Amino acid sequence: METDVENYLVEMVEAHGGMCEKFVTPGKVGPPDRIASYTDARIHFIETKTISGTLESWQKRDHARRRKLGFVVVVLWTKEQVDEYANKYLHNFSPRYTCRCGKTR
């Protein structure tokens, strides 16, 4: 379920000292579901999908525009992909606490 992946992502980001907020842009379609902010001023835009979910054309366009501006934009379908995201982007961060997901990095 998409909310399971999204909740797991939030826990993982927060466990590493970041904030992972719902990204809402009234009147605009296509932005990613979450914006993750980190202490070193990094910002990542993250879309979560169900395993059978697909990106809509307007989402692809929005993601491409953000990448062109130099932002990290990722799409995650599974909890395993959240772990891969954490290993790639959060490996230099010490966790503030052990998250409920059981992961300690």
C-alpha atoms as a PDB file:
ATOM      1  CA  MET A   1       0.000   0.000   0.000  1.00  0.00           C
ATOM      2  CA  GLU A   2       1.317   3.456  -0.894  1.00  0.00           C
ATOM      3  CA  THR A   3       0.728   4.856   2.596  1.00  0.00           C
ATOM      4  CA  ASP A   4       2.873   2.079   4.107  1.00  0.00           C
ATOM      5  CA  VAL A   5       5.801   3.051   1.889  1.00  0.00           C
ATOM      6  CA  GLU A   6       5.206   6.738   2.548  1.00  0.00           C
ATOM      7  CA  ASN A   7       5.044   6.258   6.334  1.00  0.00           C
ATOM      8  CA  TYR A   8       8.199   4.137   6.247  1.00  0.00           C
ATOM      9  CA  LEU A   9       9.961   6.864   4.260  1.00  0.00           C
ATOM     10  CA  VAL A  10       8.953   9.520   6.808  1.00  0.00           C
ATOM     11  CA  GLU A  11      10.267   7.380   9.671  1.00  0.00           C
ATOM     12  CA  MET A  12      13.557   6.753   7.886  1.00  0.00           C
ATOM     13  CA  VAL A  13      14.168  10.402   7.022  1.00  0.00           C
ATOM     14  CA  GLU A  14      13.259  11.586  10.519  1.00  0.00           C
ATOM     15  CA  ALA A  15      15.441   8.887  12.084  1.00  0.00           C
ATOM     16  CA  HIS A  16      18.358  10.473  10.243  1.00  0.00           C
ATOM     17  CA  GLY A  17      17.607  13.979  11.478  1.00  0.00           C
ATOM     18  CA  GLY A  18      15.627  15.208   8.476  1.00  0.00           C
ATOM     19  CA  MET A  19      12.084  16.390   7.942  1.00  0.00           C
ATOM     20  CA  CYS A  20       9.788  14.662   5.461  1.00  0.00           C
ATOM     21  CA  GLU A  21       6.702  16.754   4.909  1.00  0.00           C
ATOM     22  CA  LYS A  22       3.676  16.256   2.710  1.00  0.00           C
ATOM     23  CA  PHE A  23       4.213  18.437  -0.347  1.00  0.00           C
ATOM     24  CA  VAL A  24       0.994  20.231  -1.280  1.00  0.00           C
ATOM     25  CA  THR A  25       0.770  22.766  -4.092  1.00  0.00           C
ATOM     26  CA  PRO A  26      -2.821  23.985  -4.481  1.00  0.00           C
ATOM     27  CA  GLY A  27      -3.914  24.377  -8.068  1.00  0.00           C
ATOM     28  CA  LYS A  28      -0.953  22.469  -9.498  1.00  0.00           C
ATOM     29  CA  VAL A  29      -0.802  18.820 -10.517  1.00  0.00           C
ATOM     30  CA  GLY A  30       2.298  16.669 -10.701  1.00  0.00           C
ATOM     31  CA  PRO A  31       4.539  17.619  -7.751  1.00  0.00           C
ATOM     32  CA  PRO A  32       5.984  14.735  -5.743  1.00  0.00           C
ATOM     33  CA  ASP A  33       4.244  13.525  -2.566  1.00  0.00           C
ATOM     34  CA  ARG A  34       6.971  14.470  -0.110  1.00  0.00           C
ATOM     35  CA  ILE A  35       9.725  17.014   0.359  1.00  0.00           C
ATOM     36  CA  ALA A  36      12.633  15.824   2.491  1.00  0.00           C
ATOM     37  CA  SER A  37      14.841  18.493   4.059  1.00  0.00           C
ATOM     38  CA  TYR A  38      18.188  17.840   5.732  1.00  0.00           C
ATOM     39  CA  THR A  39      20.483  19.796   8.065  1.00  0.00           C
ATOM     40  CA  ASP A  40      23.013  20.576   5.323  1.00  0.00           C
ATOM     41  CA  ALA A  41      20.341  22.415   3.282  1.00  0.00           C
ATOM     42  CA  ARG A  42      19.708  19.479   0.940  1.00  0.00           C
ATOM     43  CA  ILE A  43      16.176  19.081  -0.367  1.00  0.00           C
ATOM     44  CA  HIS A  44      14.874  15.933  -2.052  1.00  0.00           C
ATOM     45  CA  PHE A  45      11.510  15.536  -3.748  1.00  0.00           C
ATOM     46  CA  ILE A  46      10.059  12.057  -3.295  1.00  0.00           C
ATOM     47  CA  GLU A  47       7.120  10.374  -5.006  1.00  0.00           C
ATOM     48  CA  THR A  48       5.682   7.190  -3.512  1.00  0.00           C
ATOM     49  CA  LYS A  49       3.653   4.684  -5.500  1.00  0.00           C
ATOM     50  CA  THR A  50       2.022   1.335  -4.983  1.00  0.00           C
ATOM     51  CA  ILE A  51       3.876  -1.563  -6.589  1.00  0.00           C
ATOM     52  CA  SER A  52       1.362  -1.512  -9.468  1.00  0.00           C
ATOM     53  CA  GLY A  53       1.260   2.290  -9.652  1.00  0.00           C
ATOM     54  CA  THR A  54       2.489   4.293 -12.613  1.00  0.00           C
ATOM     55  CA  LEU A  55       3.698   7.843 -13.065  1.00  0.00           C
ATOM     56  CA  GLU A  56       1.323  10.089 -14.953  1.00  0.00           C
ATOM     57  CA  SER A  57       2.681  12.209 -17.794  1.00  0.00           C
ATOM     58  CA  TRP A  58       2.296  15.430 -15.783  1.00  0.00           C
ATOM     59  CA  GLN A  59       4.264  13.863 -12.913  1.00  0.00           C
ATOM     60  CA  LYS A  60       7.063  12.900 -15.278  1.00  0.00           C
ATOM     61  CA  ARG A  61       7.173  16.468 -16.624  1.00  0.00           C
ATOM     62  CA  ASP A  62       7.247  17.977 -13.133  1.00  0.00           C
ATOM     63  CA  HIS A  63      10.010  15.585 -12.001  1.00  0.00           C
ATOM     64  CA  ALA A  64      12.074  16.354 -15.107  1.00  0.00           C
ATOM     65  CA  ARG A  65      11.786  20.114 -14.486  1.00  0.00           C
ATOM     66  CA  ARG A  66      12.940  19.714 -10.883  1.00  0.00           C
ATOM     67  CA  ARG A  67      15.869  17.506 -11.920  1.00  0.00           C
ATOM     68  CA  LYS A  68      16.863  20.085 -14.525  1.00  0.00           C
ATOM     69  CA  LEU A  69      17.013  22.642 -11.683  1.00  0.00           C
ATOM     70  CA  GLY A  70      19.456  20.324  -9.896  1.00  0.00           C
ATOM     71  CA  PHE A  71      17.161  18.738  -7.325  1.00  0.00           C
ATOM     72  CA  VAL A  72      17.124  15.070  -6.380  1.00  0.00           C
ATOM     73  CA  VAL A  73      13.779  13.549  -7.362  1.00  0.00           C
ATOM     74  CA  VAL A  74      13.132   9.892  -6.590  1.00  0.00           C
ATOM     75  CA  VAL A  75      10.173   7.578  -7.039  1.00  0.00           C
ATOM     76  CA  LEU A  76       9.794   4.762  -4.507  1.00  0.00           C
ATOM     77  CA  TRP A  77       7.437   1.814  -4.904  1.00  0.00           C
ATOM     78  CA  THR A  78       8.562  -0.446  -2.015  1.00  0.00           C
ATOM     79  CA  LYS A  79      10.059  -0.331   1.479  1.00  0.00           C
ATOM     80  CA  GLU A  80      13.168  -1.961   0.022  1.00  0.00           C
ATOM     81  CA  GLN A  81      13.544   1.031  -2.291  1.00  0.00           C
ATOM     82  CA  VAL A  82      13.230   3.316   0.747  1.00  0.00           C
ATOM     83  CA  ASP A  83      16.148   1.367   2.253  1.00  0.00           C
ATOM     84  CA  GLU A  84      18.113   1.850  -0.993  1.00  0.00           C
ATOM     85  CA  TYR A  85      17.331   5.585  -0.891  1.00  0.00           C
ATOM     86  CA  ALA A  86      18.577   5.733   2.713  1.00  0.00           C
ATOM     87  CA  ASN A  87      21.751   3.832   1.844  1.00  0.00           C
ATOM     88  CA  LYS A  88      22.470   6.142  -1.082  1.00  0.00           C
ATOM     89  CA  TYR A  89      21.578   9.522   0.394  1.00  0.00           C
ATOM     90  CA  LEU A  90      21.583   9.154   4.189  1.00  0.00           C
ATOM     91  CA  HIS A  91      24.670   7.029   4.852  1.00  0.00           C
ATOM     92  CA  ASN A  92      26.625  10.017   6.209  1.00  0.00           C
ATOM     93  CA  PHE A  93      23.973  10.865   8.779  1.00  0.00           C
ATOM     94  CA  SER A  94      23.782   9.426  12.279  1.00  0.00           C
ATOM     95  CA  PRO A  95      20.311   8.526  13.450  1.00  0.00           C
ATOM     96  CA  ARG A  96      18.877  10.592  16.297  1.00  0.00           C
ATOM     97  CA  TYR A  97      16.944   7.557  17.433  1.00  0.00           C
ATOM     98  CA  THR A  98      16.061   4.099  16.247  1.00  0.00           C
ATOM     99  CA  CYS A  99      12.919   4.392  14.180  1.00  0.00           C
ATOM    100  CA  ARG A 100       9.914   2.147  14.628  1.00  0.00           C
ATOM    101  CA  CYS A 101      10.863   0.475  11.358  1.00  0.00           C
ATOM    102  CA  GLY A 102      13.709  -1.178  13.311  1.00  0.00           C
ATOM    103  CA  LYS A 103      16.456   0.346  11.186  1.00  0.00           C
ATOM    104  CA  THR A 104      19.514   1.806  12.829  1.00  0.00           C
ATOM    105  CA  ARG A 105      22.066   3.303  10.504  1.00  0.00           C
END
